[in-house]
């Protein structure tokens, strides 16, 4: 076999491989795009008030809250989402839409829900200032965010 014959065959194989790869592999522009998560809602702040535990004063109960922030531009429907503590106390959102680039505080006590404040309507405290965790799950039960504080071995997801 001569050098020119070998070079010709190598060129033909390379051309065939290129054609085959092009047929099997999608081009970069045809590759599926994976959009960012539609939820950019996170737990942005927690205020736990040890005085609220065992206290029935609505004023004291509403001093403890968890703040959620939507850092995205689009409104997020929180219907069916849950916010829970380490002891299983759970608040479920009903008919609430968190606007883009906005925050809402979830208070423990009773009150009238607004665009910036919602109320769990509880008669006793939920968030322990010594140690606890706040976990936010979407309407499908998937973890969205979690934060922990204190010394009982809790580890936040942040």
Protein backbone atom coordinates (compact mmCIF):
# COMPACT_ATOMS: atom_id res chain seq x y z
CA UNK A 1 0.00 0.00 0.00
CA UNK A 2 1.36 3.38 -0.91
CA UNK A 3 1.45 6.46 1.30
CA UNK A 4 -1.09 8.25 -0.90
CA UNK A 5 -3.52 5.29 -0.68
CA UNK A 6 -3.19 5.17 3.12
CA UNK A 7 -3.66 8.94 3.37
CA UNK A 8 -6.73 8.70 1.15
CA UNK A 9 -8.26 5.96 3.27
CA UNK A 10 -7.53 7.86 6.48
CA UNK A 11 -9.15 10.96 4.99
CA UNK A 12 -12.22 8.93 3.97
CA UNK A 13 -12.51 7.40 7.47
CA UNK A 14 -12.15 10.83 9.07
CA UNK A 15 -14.82 12.25 6.77
CA UNK A 16 -17.19 9.37 7.51
CA UNK A 17 -16.62 9.74 11.27
CA UNK A 18 -17.32 13.46 11.07
CA UNK A 19 -20.54 12.85 9.14
CA UNK A 20 -21.64 10.13 11.55
CA UNK A 21 -20.87 12.28 14.61
CA UNK A 22 -22.83 15.16 13.12
CA UNK A 23 -25.83 12.91 12.56
CA UNK A 24 -25.75 11.49 16.11
CA UNK A 25 -24.67 14.51 18.16
CA UNK A 26 -27.00 17.52 18.17
CA UNK A 27 -25.44 20.86 17.46
CA UNK A 28 -24.93 23.25 20.35
CA UNK A 29 -27.89 25.33 19.28
CA UNK A 30 -30.15 22.26 19.15
CA UNK A 31 -29.14 21.03 22.62
CA UNK A 32 -32.02 21.11 25.12
CA UNK A 33 -32.00 24.15 27.36
CA UNK A 34 -32.56 23.56 31.07
CA UNK A 35 -34.22 26.65 32.54
CA UNK A 36 -33.27 27.81 36.00
CA UNK A 37 -35.52 26.66 38.78
CA UNK A 38 -38.82 28.49 38.60
CA UNK A 39 -38.57 29.09 42.34
CA UNK A 40 -36.13 31.58 43.70
CA UNK A 41 -37.86 31.65 47.07
CA UNK A 42 -35.59 31.27 50.08
CA UNK A 43 -35.73 31.64 53.84
CA UNK A 44 -34.12 35.03 54.28
CA UNK A 45 -34.47 35.67 58.02
CA UNK A 46 -35.79 34.12 61.24
CA UNK A 47 -36.76 35.78 64.46
CA UNK A 48 -37.35 33.34 67.27
CA UNK A 49 -38.55 34.68 70.58
CA UNK A 50 -38.03 32.50 73.64
CA UNK A 51 -40.57 34.60 75.57
CA UNK A 52 -43.29 33.44 73.17
CA UNK A 53 -43.01 29.80 74.28
CA UNK A 54 -45.81 29.06 76.70
CA UNK A 55 -47.08 32.65 76.42
CA UNK A 56 -50.57 33.24 75.08
CA UNK A 57 -50.09 36.93 74.27
CA UNK A 58 -50.75 37.41 70.57
CA UNK A 59 -48.35 40.36 70.55
CA UNK A 60 -45.52 38.15 71.83
CA UNK A 61 -46.38 35.36 69.39
CA UNK A 62 -46.24 37.72 66.44
CA UNK A 63 -42.75 38.85 67.42
CA UNK A 64 -41.51 35.49 66.17
CA UNK A 65 -41.56 34.98 62.42
CA UNK A 66 -39.79 33.47 59.45
CA UNK A 67 -39.21 35.67 56.41
CA UNK A 68 -39.28 34.28 52.87
CA UNK A 69 -37.87 36.26 49.96
CA UNK A 70 -38.50 35.79 46.25
CA UNK A 71 -35.33 37.03 44.55
CA UNK A 72 -36.73 36.29 41.10
CA UNK A 73 -38.68 38.65 38.86
CA UNK A 74 -41.75 36.45 38.58
CA UNK A 75 -44.48 35.94 41.11
CA UNK A 76 -44.52 32.50 42.78
CA UNK A 77 -47.73 30.78 43.83
CA UNK A 78 -47.06 29.35 47.29
CA UNK A 79 -50.34 27.47 47.52
CA UNK A 80 -49.65 24.11 49.16
CA UNK A 81 -46.09 25.03 50.20
CA UNK A 82 -45.17 24.23 53.81
CA UNK A 83 -42.95 25.82 56.43
CA UNK A 84 -42.06 23.58 59.36
CA UNK A 85 -39.83 23.47 62.41
CA UNK A 86 -37.70 20.65 63.83
CA UNK A 87 -40.56 19.48 66.04
CA UNK A 88 -43.04 19.00 63.21
CA UNK A 89 -45.10 22.18 63.59
CA UNK A 90 -46.18 22.90 60.03
CA UNK A 91 -47.79 25.90 58.36
CA UNK A 92 -49.35 25.39 54.92
CA UNK A 93 -49.79 28.35 52.58
CA UNK A 94 -53.28 28.81 51.10
CA UNK A 95 -53.99 31.12 48.16
CA UNK A 96 -50.83 33.20 48.59
CA UNK A 97 -48.75 34.64 45.74
CA UNK A 98 -45.32 36.06 46.56
CA UNK A 99 -44.49 38.82 44.13
CA UNK A 100 -41.13 39.00 42.41
CA UNK A 101 -38.38 40.69 44.40
CA UNK A 102 -40.61 40.73 47.49
CA UNK A 103 -40.66 39.22 50.98
CA UNK A 104 -43.31 37.88 53.32
CA UNK A 105 -43.10 37.28 57.06
CA UNK A 106 -44.87 34.25 58.46
CA UNK A 107 -45.89 35.22 62.01
CA UNK A 108 -46.79 32.65 64.65
CA UNK A 109 -49.87 34.30 66.20
CA UNK A 110 -53.18 35.59 64.88
CA UNK A 111 -53.58 38.45 62.43
CA UNK A 112 -54.97 39.56 59.11
CA UNK A 113 -52.95 38.31 56.13
CA UNK A 114 -51.52 40.98 53.83
CA UNK A 115 -49.09 40.99 50.92
CA UNK A 116 -46.15 41.28 53.35
CA UNK A 117 -47.36 39.39 56.45
CA UNK A 118 -49.23 36.11 56.95
CA UNK A 119 -50.24 34.49 60.22
CA UNK A 120 -50.21 30.88 61.40
CA UNK A 121 -53.03 31.54 63.91
CA UNK A 122 -51.31 29.62 66.72
CA UNK A 123 -51.79 30.08 70.45
CA UNK A 124 -48.23 29.08 71.44
CA UNK A 125 -44.71 29.67 70.15
CA UNK A 126 -43.10 27.59 67.43
CA UNK A 127 -39.53 28.80 66.81
CA UNK A 128 -37.11 27.97 69.62
CA UNK A 129 -34.36 30.59 69.98
CA UNK A 130 -31.95 28.05 71.55
CA UNK A 131 -32.03 25.49 68.73
CA UNK A 132 -34.42 24.80 65.90
CA UNK A 133 -34.69 24.66 62.14
CA UNK A 134 -37.01 26.09 59.53
CA UNK A 135 -37.72 24.01 56.43
CA UNK A 136 -39.54 25.23 53.34
CA UNK A 137 -41.04 22.68 50.92
CA UNK A 138 -42.95 23.25 47.71
CA UNK A 139 -46.40 21.89 46.90
CA UNK A 140 -44.83 18.59 45.80
CA UNK A 141 -43.00 18.14 49.09
CA UNK A 142 -39.58 18.90 47.61
CA UNK A 143 -37.08 20.76 49.76
CA UNK A 144 -36.75 24.38 48.69
CA UNK A 145 -34.67 25.74 51.57
CA UNK A 146 -33.73 24.99 55.16
CA UNK A 147 -31.89 26.83 57.87
CA UNK A 148 -30.89 25.66 61.35
CA UNK A 149 -29.55 27.37 64.44
CA UNK A 150 -28.45 26.41 67.93
CA UNK A 151 -26.41 23.66 69.48
CA UNK A 152 -28.36 20.41 69.18
CA UNK A 153 -26.37 19.20 66.21
CA UNK A 154 -28.57 20.81 63.58
CA UNK A 155 -26.92 21.49 60.28
CA UNK A 156 -28.40 23.97 57.83
CA UNK A 157 -28.48 23.36 54.13
CA UNK A 158 -26.70 26.62 53.51
